[in-house]
C-alpha cells in the first residue's frame, strides 16, 4: 500500500468508530477516511454479520461513503474489506483516477 502509485489508505473500523487508518504519500492531505462505515456500503454487512476471514469483493463505490474533505463528493473509490478476529473490519481504500 505504501508503494502504490495511486492514493491508497488502510483503515480499521469497529461497530462504533474508525479505530485507525494509514494513508500513503500520494493520498491528498485534505481528504480523510470516514469515521464510520456507510450504511450503503457492503462493508457494513460484513462488519455486523460477517465471520472471521470473510471479505467483500473489490468494488467501486461513491467517494462519499469512505472519504470526506477536498472534492470527495465528486470522486469514486475502490474498496475491499476483510473481517478481522476482533469484530472489526480492515479495508483497503483507493481513490480512482
PDB file of N, CA and C in Angstrom:
ATOM      1  N   UNK A   1       0.823  -1.179   0.000  1.00  0.00           N
ATOM      2  CA  UNK A   1       0.000   0.000   0.000  1.00  0.00           C
ATOM      3  C   UNK A   1       0.874   1.253   0.000  1.00  0.00           C
ATOM      4  N   UNK A   2       1.927   1.208   0.760  1.00  0.00           N
ATOM      5  CA  UNK A   2       2.814   2.375   0.813  1.00  0.00           C
ATOM      6  C   UNK A   2       3.423   2.692  -0.543  1.00  0.00           C
ATOM      7  N   UNK A   3       3.641   1.700  -1.362  1.00  0.00           N
ATOM      8  CA  UNK A   3       4.310   1.894  -2.642  1.00  0.00           C
ATOM      9  C   UNK A   3       3.335   1.982  -3.809  1.00  0.00           C
ATOM     10  N   UNK A   4       2.048   2.023  -3.521  1.00  0.00           N
ATOM     11  CA  UNK A   4       1.045   2.153  -4.571  1.00  0.00           C
ATOM     12  C   UNK A   4       1.246   3.478  -5.307  1.00  0.00           C
ATOM     13  N   UNK A   5       1.162   3.485  -6.638  1.00  0.00           N
ATOM     14  CA  UNK A   5       1.339   4.735  -7.370  1.00  0.00           C
ATOM     15  C   UNK A   5       0.154   5.685  -7.216  1.00  0.00           C
ATOM     16  N   UNK A   6      -1.002   5.153  -6.814  1.00  0.00           N
ATOM     17  CA  UNK A   6      -2.194   5.979  -6.625  1.00  0.00           C
ATOM     18  C   UNK A   6      -2.516   6.155  -5.151  1.00  0.00           C
ATOM     19  N   UNK A   7      -3.415   7.093  -4.838  1.00  0.00           N
ATOM     20  CA  UNK A   7      -3.793   7.332  -3.447  1.00  0.00           C
ATOM     21  C   UNK A   7      -4.463   6.099  -2.839  1.00  0.00           C
ATOM     22  N   UNK A   8      -3.939   5.628  -1.715  1.00  0.00           N
ATOM     23  CA  UNK A   8      -4.469   4.432  -1.056  1.00  0.00           C
ATOM     24  C   UNK A   8      -4.368   4.601   0.455  1.00  0.00           C
ATOM     25  N   UNK A   9      -5.323   3.974   1.147  1.00  0.00           N
ATOM     26  CA  UNK A   9      -5.335   4.009   2.605  1.00  0.00           C
ATOM     27  C   UNK A   9      -5.791   2.653   3.132  1.00  0.00           C
ATOM     28  N   UNK A  10      -5.302   2.306   4.307  1.00  0.00           N
ATOM     29  CA  UNK A  10      -5.777   1.150   5.052  1.00  0.00           C
ATOM     30  C   UNK A  10      -6.502   1.707   6.264  1.00  0.00           C
ATOM     31  N   UNK A  11      -7.699   1.176   6.533  1.00  0.00           N
ATOM     32  CA  UNK A  11      -8.500   1.672   7.659  1.00  0.00           C
ATOM     33  C   UNK A  11      -9.119   0.491   8.395  1.00  0.00           C
ATOM     34  N   UNK A  12      -9.198   0.609   9.716  1.00  0.00           N
ATOM     35  CA  UNK A  12      -9.869  -0.387  10.541  1.00  0.00           C
ATOM     36  C   UNK A  12     -11.046   0.291  11.234  1.00  0.00           C
ATOM     37  N   UNK A  13     -12.230  -0.318  11.050  1.00  0.00           N
ATOM     38  CA  UNK A  13     -13.447   0.161  11.704  1.00  0.00           C
ATOM     39  C   UNK A  13     -13.973  -0.893  12.670  1.00  0.00           C
ATOM     40  N   UNK A  14     -14.471  -0.430  13.809  1.00  0.00           N
ATOM     41  CA  UNK A  14     -15.260  -1.272  14.698  1.00  0.00           C
ATOM     42  C   UNK A  14     -16.725  -0.903  14.461  1.00  0.00           C
ATOM     43  N   UNK A  15     -17.624  -1.499  15.203  1.00  0.00           N
ATOM     44  CA  UNK A  15     -19.041  -1.177  15.031  1.00  0.00           C
ATOM     45  C   UNK A  15     -19.361   0.229  15.524  1.00  0.00           C
ATOM     46  N   UNK A  16     -18.446   0.851  16.250  1.00  0.00           N
ATOM     47  CA  UNK A  16     -18.729   2.150  16.837  1.00  0.00           C
ATOM     48  C   UNK A  16     -17.919   3.307  16.265  1.00  0.00           C
ATOM     49  N   UNK A  17     -16.765   2.992  15.659  1.00  0.00           N
ATOM     50  CA  UNK A  17     -15.929   4.099  15.192  1.00  0.00           C
ATOM     51  C   UNK A  17     -14.809   3.595  14.288  1.00  0.00           C
ATOM     52  N   UNK A  18     -14.105   4.562  13.704  1.00  0.00           N
ATOM     53  CA  UNK A  18     -12.867   4.258  12.985  1.00  0.00           C
ATOM     54  C   UNK A  18     -11.793   4.105  14.048  1.00  0.00           C
ATOM     55  N   UNK A  19     -11.145   2.956  14.056  1.00  0.00           N
ATOM     56  CA  UNK A  19     -10.114   2.701  15.064  1.00  0.00           C
ATOM     57  C   UNK A  19      -8.792   3.347  14.675  1.00  0.00           C
ATOM     58  N   UNK A  20      -8.394   3.186  13.438  1.00  0.00           N
ATOM     59  CA  UNK A  20      -7.167   3.808  12.939  1.00  0.00           C
ATOM     60  C   UNK A  20      -7.149   3.747  11.419  1.00  0.00           C
ATOM     61  N   UNK A  21      -6.306   4.574  10.819  1.00  0.00           N
ATOM     62  CA  UNK A  21      -6.077   4.493   9.372  1.00  0.00           C
ATOM     63  C   UNK A  21      -4.681   4.980   9.067  1.00  0.00           C
ATOM     64  N   UNK A  22      -4.215   4.565   7.904  1.00  0.00           N
ATOM     65  CA  UNK A  22      -2.896   4.954   7.421  1.00  0.00           C
ATOM     66  C   UNK A  22      -3.025   5.280   5.950  1.00  0.00           C
ATOM     67  N   UNK A  23      -2.492   6.418   5.525  1.00  0.00           N
ATOM     68  CA  UNK A  23      -2.539   6.852   4.125  1.00  0.00           C
ATOM     69  C   UNK A  23      -1.145   6.789   3.528  1.00  0.00           C
ATOM     70  N   UNK A  24      -1.080   6.513   2.208  1.00  0.00           N
ATOM     71  CA  UNK A  24       0.232   6.541   1.574  1.00  0.00           C
ATOM     72  C   UNK A  24       0.612   7.986   1.239  1.00  0.00           C
ATOM     73  N   UNK A  25       1.796   8.160   0.703  1.00  0.00           N
ATOM     74  CA  UNK A  25       2.325   9.508   0.487  1.00  0.00           C
ATOM     75  C   UNK A  25       1.604  10.303  -0.594  1.00  0.00           C
ATOM     76  N   UNK A  26       0.914   9.633  -1.511  1.00  0.00           N
ATOM     77  CA  UNK A  26       0.221  10.369  -2.572  1.00  0.00           C
ATOM     78  C   UNK A  26      -1.246  10.629  -2.245  1.00  0.00           C
ATOM     79  N   UNK A  27      -1.696  10.205  -1.079  1.00  0.00           N
ATOM     80  CA  UNK A  27      -3.066  10.490  -0.629  1.00  0.00           C
ATOM     81  C   UNK A  27      -3.182  11.998  -0.384  1.00  0.00           C
ATOM     82  N   UNK A  28      -4.247  12.650  -0.870  1.00  0.00           N
ATOM     83  CA  UNK A  28      -4.394  14.104  -0.677  1.00  0.00           C
ATOM     84  C   UNK A  28      -4.458  14.482   0.807  1.00  0.00           C
ATOM     85  N   UNK A  29      -3.737  15.515   1.182  1.00  0.00           N
ATOM     86  CA  UNK A  29      -3.686  15.953   2.577  1.00  0.00           C
ATOM     87  C   UNK A  29      -5.038  16.418   3.109  1.00  0.00           C
ATOM     88  N   UNK A  30      -5.904  16.926   2.234  1.00  0.00           N
ATOM     89  CA  UNK A  30      -7.192  17.467   2.680  1.00  0.00           C
ATOM     90  C   UNK A  30      -8.325  16.437   2.656  1.00  0.00           C
ATOM     91  N   UNK A  31      -8.012  15.167   2.445  1.00  0.00           N
ATOM     92  CA  UNK A  31      -9.027  14.103   2.402  1.00  0.00           C
ATOM     93  C   UNK A  31      -8.777  13.128   3.550  1.00  0.00           C
ATOM     94  N   UNK A  32      -9.831  12.870   4.334  1.00  0.00           N
ATOM     95  CA  UNK A  32      -9.751  11.937   5.449  1.00  0.00           C
ATOM     96  C   UNK A  32     -10.663  10.739   5.197  1.00  0.00           C
ATOM     97  N   UNK A  33     -10.381   9.654   5.877  1.00  0.00           N
ATOM     98  CA  UNK A  33     -11.207   8.457   5.782  1.00  0.00           C
ATOM     99  C   UNK A  33     -12.392   8.614   6.733  1.00  0.00           C
ATOM    100  N   UNK A  34     -13.571   8.185   6.297  1.00  0.00           N
ATOM    101  CA  UNK A  34     -14.792   8.325   7.087  1.00  0.00           C
ATOM    102  C   UNK A  34     -14.651   7.696   8.474  1.00  0.00           C
ATOM    103  N   UNK A  35     -15.310   8.303   9.445  1.00  0.00           N
ATOM    104  CA  UNK A  35     -15.227   7.835  10.822  1.00  0.00           C
ATOM    105  C   UNK A  35     -16.074   6.596  11.085  1.00  0.00           C
ATOM    106  N   UNK A  36     -17.085   6.358  10.250  1.00  0.00           N
ATOM    107  CA  UNK A  36     -17.947   5.185  10.393  1.00  0.00           C
ATOM    108  C   UNK A  36     -18.162   4.553   9.028  1.00  0.00           C
ATOM    109  N   UNK A  37     -18.518   3.280   9.020  1.00  0.00           N
ATOM    110  CA  UNK A  37     -18.824   2.589   7.771  1.00  0.00           C
ATOM    111  C   UNK A  37     -20.196   3.053   7.303  1.00  0.00           C
ATOM    112  N   UNK A  38     -20.294   3.465   6.052  1.00  0.00           N
ATOM    113  CA  UNK A  38     -21.539   3.986   5.487  1.00  0.00           C
ATOM    114  C   UNK A  38     -22.588   2.883   5.390  1.00  0.00           C
ATOM    115  N   UNK A  39     -23.847   3.243   5.647  1.00  0.00           N
ATOM    116  CA  UNK A  39     -24.925   2.249   5.662  1.00  0.00           C
ATOM    117  C   UNK A  39     -25.203   1.610   4.303  1.00  0.00           C
ATOM    118  N   UNK A  40     -24.772   2.214   3.211  1.00  0.00           N
ATOM    119  CA  UNK A  40     -24.986   1.642   1.881  1.00  0.00           C
ATOM    120  C   UNK A  40     -23.798   0.815   1.380  1.00  0.00           C
ATOM    121  N   UNK A  41     -22.735   0.753   2.147  1.00  0.00           N
ATOM    122  CA  UNK A  41     -21.554   0.004   1.727  1.00  0.00           C
ATOM    123  C   UNK A  41     -21.699  -1.476   2.087  1.00  0.00           C
ATOM    124  N   UNK A  42     -21.288  -2.370   1.199  1.00  0.00           N
ATOM    125  CA  UNK A  42     -21.291  -3.799   1.533  1.00  0.00           C
ATOM    126  C   UNK A  42     -20.452  -4.121   2.774  1.00  0.00           C
ATOM    127  N   UNK A  43     -19.520  -3.260   3.106  1.00  0.00           N
ATOM    128  CA  UNK A  43     -18.677  -3.481   4.282  1.00  0.00           C
ATOM    129  C   UNK A  43     -19.487  -3.450   5.577  1.00  0.00           C
ATOM    130  N   UNK A  44     -20.626  -2.770   5.584  1.00  0.00           N
ATOM    131  CA  UNK A  44     -21.438  -2.708   6.801  1.00  0.00           C
ATOM    132  C   UNK A  44     -21.989  -4.086   7.160  1.00  0.00           C
ATOM    133  N   UNK A  45     -22.486  -4.817   6.170  1.00  0.00           N
ATOM    134  CA  UNK A  45     -22.963  -6.183   6.438  1.00  0.00           C
ATOM    135  C   UNK A  45     -21.831  -7.049   6.964  1.00  0.00           C
ATOM    136  N   UNK A  46     -20.661  -6.894   6.392  1.00  0.00           N
ATOM    137  CA  UNK A  46     -19.503  -7.650   6.833  1.00  0.00           C
ATOM    138  C   UNK A  46     -19.167  -7.325   8.291  1.00  0.00           C
ATOM    139  N   UNK A  47     -19.223  -6.056   8.636  1.00  0.00           N
ATOM    140  CA  UNK A  47     -18.894  -5.618   9.988  1.00  0.00           C
ATOM    141  C   UNK A  47     -19.849  -6.221  11.018  1.00  0.00           C
ATOM    142  N   UNK A  48     -21.141  -6.233  10.714  1.00  0.00           N
ATOM    143  CA  UNK A  48     -22.133  -6.672  11.697  1.00  0.00           C
ATOM    144  C   UNK A  48     -22.470  -8.159  11.636  1.00  0.00           C
ATOM    145  N   UNK A  49     -22.357  -8.776  10.468  1.00  0.00           N
ATOM    146  CA  UNK A  49     -22.788 -10.175  10.400  1.00  0.00           C
ATOM    147  C   UNK A  49     -21.753 -11.116   9.774  1.00  0.00           C
ATOM    148  N   UNK A  50     -20.620 -10.600   9.377  1.00  0.00           N
ATOM    149  CA  UNK A  50     -19.586 -11.455   8.806  1.00  0.00           C
ATOM    150  C   UNK A  50     -18.861 -12.251   9.883  1.00  0.00           C
ATOM    151  N   UNK A  51     -18.176 -13.283   9.456  1.00  0.00           N
ATOM    152  CA  UNK A  51     -17.357 -14.059  10.383  1.00  0.00           C
ATOM    153  C   UNK A  51     -15.890 -13.881   9.999  1.00  0.00           C
ATOM    154  N   UNK A  52     -15.013 -14.197  10.918  1.00  0.00           N
ATOM    155  CA  UNK A  52     -13.581 -14.017  10.729  1.00  0.00           C
ATOM    156  C   UNK A  52     -13.134 -14.564   9.369  1.00  0.00           C
ATOM    157  N   UNK A  53     -12.448 -13.734   8.607  1.00  0.00           N
ATOM    158  CA  UNK A  53     -11.907 -14.132   7.307  1.00  0.00           C
ATOM    159  C   UNK A  53     -12.811 -13.841   6.130  1.00  0.00           C
ATOM    160  N   UNK A  54     -14.104 -13.558   6.383  1.00  0.00           N
ATOM    161  CA  UNK A  54     -14.982 -13.181   5.279  1.00  0.00           C
ATOM    162  C   UNK A  54     -14.485 -11.878   4.670  1.00  0.00           C
ATOM    163  N   UNK A  55     -14.732 -11.692   3.381  1.00  0.00           N
ATOM    164  CA  UNK A  55     -14.316 -10.442   2.746  1.00  0.00           C
ATOM    165  C   UNK A  55     -15.313 -10.031   1.681  1.00  0.00           C
ATOM    166  N   UNK A  56     -15.266  -8.745   1.346  1.00  0.00           N
ATOM    167  CA  UNK A  56     -16.085  -8.214   0.267  1.00  0.00           C
ATOM    168  C   UNK A  56     -15.291  -8.294  -1.027  1.00  0.00           C
ATOM    169  N   UNK A  57     -16.000  -8.154  -2.138  1.00  0.00           N
ATOM    170  CA  UNK A  57     -15.302  -8.067  -3.416  1.00  0.00           C
ATOM    171  C   UNK A  57     -14.657  -6.693  -3.526  1.00  0.00           C
ATOM    172  N   UNK A  58     -13.640  -6.579  -4.339  1.00  0.00           N
ATOM    173  CA  UNK A  58     -13.005  -5.296  -4.634  1.00  0.00           C
ATOM    174  C   UNK A  58     -13.943  -4.559  -5.587  1.00  0.00           C
ATOM    175  N   UNK A  59     -14.650  -3.555  -5.069  1.00  0.00           N
ATOM    176  CA  UNK A  59     -15.657  -2.863  -5.884  1.00  0.00           C
ATOM    177  C   UNK A  59     -15.449  -1.355  -5.862  1.00  0.00           C
ATOM    178  N   UNK A  60     -16.065  -0.715  -6.842  1.00  0.00           N
ATOM    179  CA  UNK A  60     -16.060   0.742  -6.924  1.00  0.00           C
ATOM    180  C   UNK A  60     -17.289   1.269  -6.185  1.00  0.00           C
ATOM    181  N   UNK A  61     -17.077   2.278  -5.350  1.00  0.00           N
ATOM    182  CA  UNK A  61     -18.158   2.900  -4.590  1.00  0.00           C
ATOM    183  C   UNK A  61     -18.027   4.417  -4.689  1.00  0.00           C
ATOM    184  N   UNK A  62     -19.129   5.149  -4.456  1.00  0.00           N
ATOM    185  CA  UNK A  62     -19.034   6.612  -4.419  1.00  0.00           C
ATOM    186  C   UNK A  62     -18.092   7.048  -3.297  1.00  0.00           C
ATOM    187  N   UNK A  63     -17.315   8.065  -3.567  1.00  0.00           N
ATOM    188  CA  UNK A  63     -16.335   8.527  -2.592  1.00  0.00           C
ATOM    189  C   UNK A  63     -16.931   8.921  -1.258  1.00  0.00           C
ATOM    190  N   UNK A  64     -18.145   9.508  -1.261  1.00  0.00           N
ATOM    191  CA  UNK A  64     -18.724   9.995  -0.012  1.00  0.00           C
ATOM    192  C   UNK A  64     -18.966   8.882   1.009  1.00  0.00           C
ATOM    193  N   UNK A  65     -18.976   7.629   0.574  1.00  0.00           N
ATOM    194  CA  UNK A  65     -19.159   6.524   1.516  1.00  0.00           C
ATOM    195  C   UNK A  65     -17.906   6.283   2.363  1.00  0.00           C
ATOM    196  N   UNK A  66     -16.753   6.647   1.846  1.00  0.00           N
ATOM    197  CA  UNK A  66     -15.496   6.294   2.505  1.00  0.00           C
ATOM    198  C   UNK A  66     -14.592   7.466   2.855  1.00  0.00           C
ATOM    199  N   UNK A  67     -14.764   8.597   2.187  1.00  0.00           N
ATOM    200  CA  UNK A  67     -13.851   9.719   2.402  1.00  0.00           C
ATOM    201  C   UNK A  67     -14.629  11.016   2.538  1.00  0.00           C
ATOM    202  N   UNK A  68     -13.997  12.010   3.164  1.00  0.00           N
ATOM    203  CA  UNK A  68     -14.579  13.342   3.237  1.00  0.00           C
ATOM    204  C   UNK A  68     -13.463  14.370   3.185  1.00  0.00           C
ATOM    205  N   UNK A  69     -13.869  15.587   2.810  1.00  0.00           N
ATOM    206  CA  UNK A  69     -12.901  16.663   2.638  1.00  0.00           C
ATOM    207  C   UNK A  69     -12.510  16.778   1.183  1.00  0.00           C
ATOM    208  N   UNK A  70     -11.834  17.844   0.861  1.00  0.00           N
ATOM    209  CA  UNK A  70     -11.411  18.050  -0.530  1.00  0.00           C
ATOM    210  C   UNK A  70     -12.601  17.989  -1.464  1.00  0.00           C
ATOM    211  N   UNK A  71     -12.449  17.314  -2.581  1.00  0.00           N
ATOM    212  CA  UNK A  71     -13.548  17.155  -3.541  1.00  0.00           C
ATOM    213  C   UNK A  71     -14.088  15.726  -3.505  1.00  0.00           C
ATOM    214  N   UNK A  72     -14.189  15.149  -2.312  1.00  0.00           N
ATOM    215  CA  UNK A  72     -14.542  13.737  -2.154  1.00  0.00           C
ATOM    216  C   UNK A  72     -15.908  13.381  -2.725  1.00  0.00           C
ATOM    217  N   UNK A  73     -16.849  14.326  -2.775  1.00  0.00           N
ATOM    218  CA  UNK A  73     -18.179  14.019  -3.311  1.00  0.00           C
ATOM    219  C   UNK A  73     -18.152  13.775  -4.817  1.00  0.00           C
ATOM    220  N   UNK A  74     -17.125  14.225  -5.476  1.00  0.00           N
ATOM    221  CA  UNK A  74     -17.036  14.006  -6.922  1.00  0.00           C
ATOM    222  C   UNK A  74     -16.105  12.837  -7.268  1.00  0.00           C
ATOM    223  N   UNK A  75     -15.563  12.164  -6.268  1.00  0.00           N
ATOM    224  CA  UNK A  75     -14.622  11.070  -6.502  1.00  0.00           C
ATOM    225  C   UNK A  75     -15.288   9.710  -6.317  1.00  0.00           C
ATOM    226  N   UNK A  76     -14.652   8.704  -6.884  1.00  0.00           N
ATOM    227  CA  UNK A  76     -15.028   7.321  -6.632  1.00  0.00           C
ATOM    228  C   UNK A  76     -13.834   6.622  -5.995  1.00  0.00           C
ATOM    229  N   UNK A  77     -14.128   5.590  -5.234  1.00  0.00           N
ATOM    230  CA  UNK A  77     -13.079   4.811  -4.600  1.00  0.00           C
ATOM    231  C   UNK A  77     -13.279   3.334  -4.913  1.00  0.00           C
ATOM    232  N   UNK A  78     -12.200   2.586  -4.866  1.00  0.00           N
ATOM    233  CA  UNK A  78     -12.270   1.122  -4.927  1.00  0.00           C
ATOM    234  C   UNK A  78     -11.968   0.634  -3.517  1.00  0.00           C
ATOM    235  N   UNK A  79     -12.787  -0.308  -3.040  1.00  0.00           N
ATOM    236  CA  UNK A  79     -12.673  -0.758  -1.660  1.00  0.00           C
ATOM    237  C   UNK A  79     -12.800  -2.272  -1.588  1.00  0.00           C
ATOM    238  N   UNK A  80     -11.992  -2.870  -0.736  1.00  0.00           N
ATOM    239  CA  UNK A  80     -12.166  -4.263  -0.363  1.00  0.00           C
ATOM    240  C   UNK A  80     -11.926  -4.355   1.137  1.00  0.00           C
ATOM    241  N   UNK A  81     -12.812  -5.097   1.817  1.00  0.00           N
ATOM    242  CA  UNK A  81     -12.739  -5.223   3.273  1.00  0.00           C
ATOM    243  C   UNK A  81     -12.661  -6.687   3.674  1.00  0.00           C
ATOM    244  N   UNK A  82     -12.050  -6.922   4.826  1.00  0.00           N
ATOM    245  CA  UNK A  82     -11.971  -8.275   5.385  1.00  0.00           C
ATOM    246  C   UNK A  82     -12.307  -8.198   6.866  1.00  0.00           C
ATOM    247  N   UNK A  83     -13.042  -9.206   7.343  1.00  0.00           N
ATOM    248  CA  UNK A  83     -13.418  -9.272   8.762  1.00  0.00           C
ATOM    249  C   UNK A  83     -12.232  -9.778   9.567  1.00  0.00           C
ATOM    250  N   UNK A  84     -11.880  -9.034  10.613  1.00  0.00           N
ATOM    251  CA  UNK A  84     -10.780  -9.409  11.492  1.00  0.00           C
ATOM    252  C   UNK A  84     -11.279 -10.281  12.632  1.00  0.00           C
ATOM    253  N   UNK A  85     -10.367 -10.814  13.383  1.00  0.00           N
ATOM    254  CA  UNK A  85     -10.676 -11.691  14.511  1.00  0.00           C
ATOM    255  C   UNK A  85     -11.369 -10.972  15.661  1.00  0.00           C
ATOM    256  N   UNK A  86     -11.276  -9.662  15.730  1.00  0.00           N
ATOM    257  CA  UNK A  86     -11.745  -8.891  16.876  1.00  0.00           C
ATOM    258  C   UNK A  86     -13.024  -8.100  16.584  1.00  0.00           C
ATOM    259  N   UNK A  87     -13.876  -8.627  15.704  1.00  0.00           N
ATOM    260  CA  UNK A  87     -15.134  -7.968  15.320  1.00  0.00           C
ATOM    261  C   UNK A  87     -14.912  -6.583  14.720  1.00  0.00           C
ATOM    262  N   UNK A  88     -13.802  -6.426  14.046  1.00  0.00           N
ATOM    263  CA  UNK A  88     -13.520  -5.221  13.293  1.00  0.00           C
ATOM    264  C   UNK A  88     -13.317  -5.621  11.837  1.00  0.00           C
ATOM    265  N   UNK A  89     -13.362  -4.637  10.949  1.00  0.00           N
ATOM    266  CA  UNK A  89     -13.014  -4.884   9.551  1.00  0.00           C
ATOM    267  C   UNK A  89     -11.820  -4.031   9.175  1.00  0.00           C
ATOM    268  N   UNK A  90     -10.984  -4.568   8.317  1.00  0.00           N
ATOM    269  CA  UNK A  90      -9.856  -3.845   7.740  1.00  0.00           C
ATOM    270  C   UNK A  90     -10.189  -3.635   6.271  1.00  0.00           C
ATOM    271  N   UNK A  91     -10.085  -2.390   5.818  1.00  0.00           N
ATOM    272  CA  UNK A  91     -10.441  -2.059   4.440  1.00  0.00           C
ATOM    273  C   UNK A  91      -9.283  -1.371   3.745  1.00  0.00           C
ATOM    274  N   UNK A  92      -9.107  -1.711   2.489  1.00  0.00           N
ATOM    275  CA  UNK A  92      -8.171  -1.020   1.617  1.00  0.00           C
ATOM    276  C   UNK A  92      -8.999  -0.098   0.745  1.00  0.00           C
ATOM    277  N   UNK A  93      -8.732   1.196   0.825  1.00  0.00           N
ATOM    278  CA  UNK A  93      -9.483   2.214   0.093  1.00  0.00           C
ATOM    279  C   UNK A  93      -8.527   2.901  -0.874  1.00  0.00           C
ATOM    280  N   UNK A  94      -8.886   2.890  -2.156  1.00  0.00           N
ATOM    281  CA  UNK A  94      -8.059   3.544  -3.178  1.00  0.00           C
ATOM    282  C   UNK A  94      -8.903   4.549  -3.949  1.00  0.00           C
ATOM    283  N   UNK A  95      -8.419   5.749  -4.081  1.00  0.00           N
ATOM    284  CA  UNK A  95      -9.121   6.786  -4.839  1.00  0.00           C
ATOM    285  C   UNK A  95      -8.916   6.514  -6.328  1.00  0.00           C
ATOM    286  N   UNK A  96     -10.030   6.456  -7.069  1.00  0.00           N
ATOM    287  CA  UNK A  96      -9.969   6.212  -8.516  1.00  0.00           C
ATOM    288  C   UNK A  96      -9.579   7.483  -9.233  1.00  0.00           C
ATOM    289  N   UNK A  97      -8.863   7.308 -10.338  1.00  0.00           N
ATOM    290  CA  UNK A  97      -8.472   8.473 -11.155  1.00  0.00           C
ATOM    291  C   UNK A  97      -9.340   8.556 -12.366  1.00  0.00           C
TER     292      UNK A  97
END
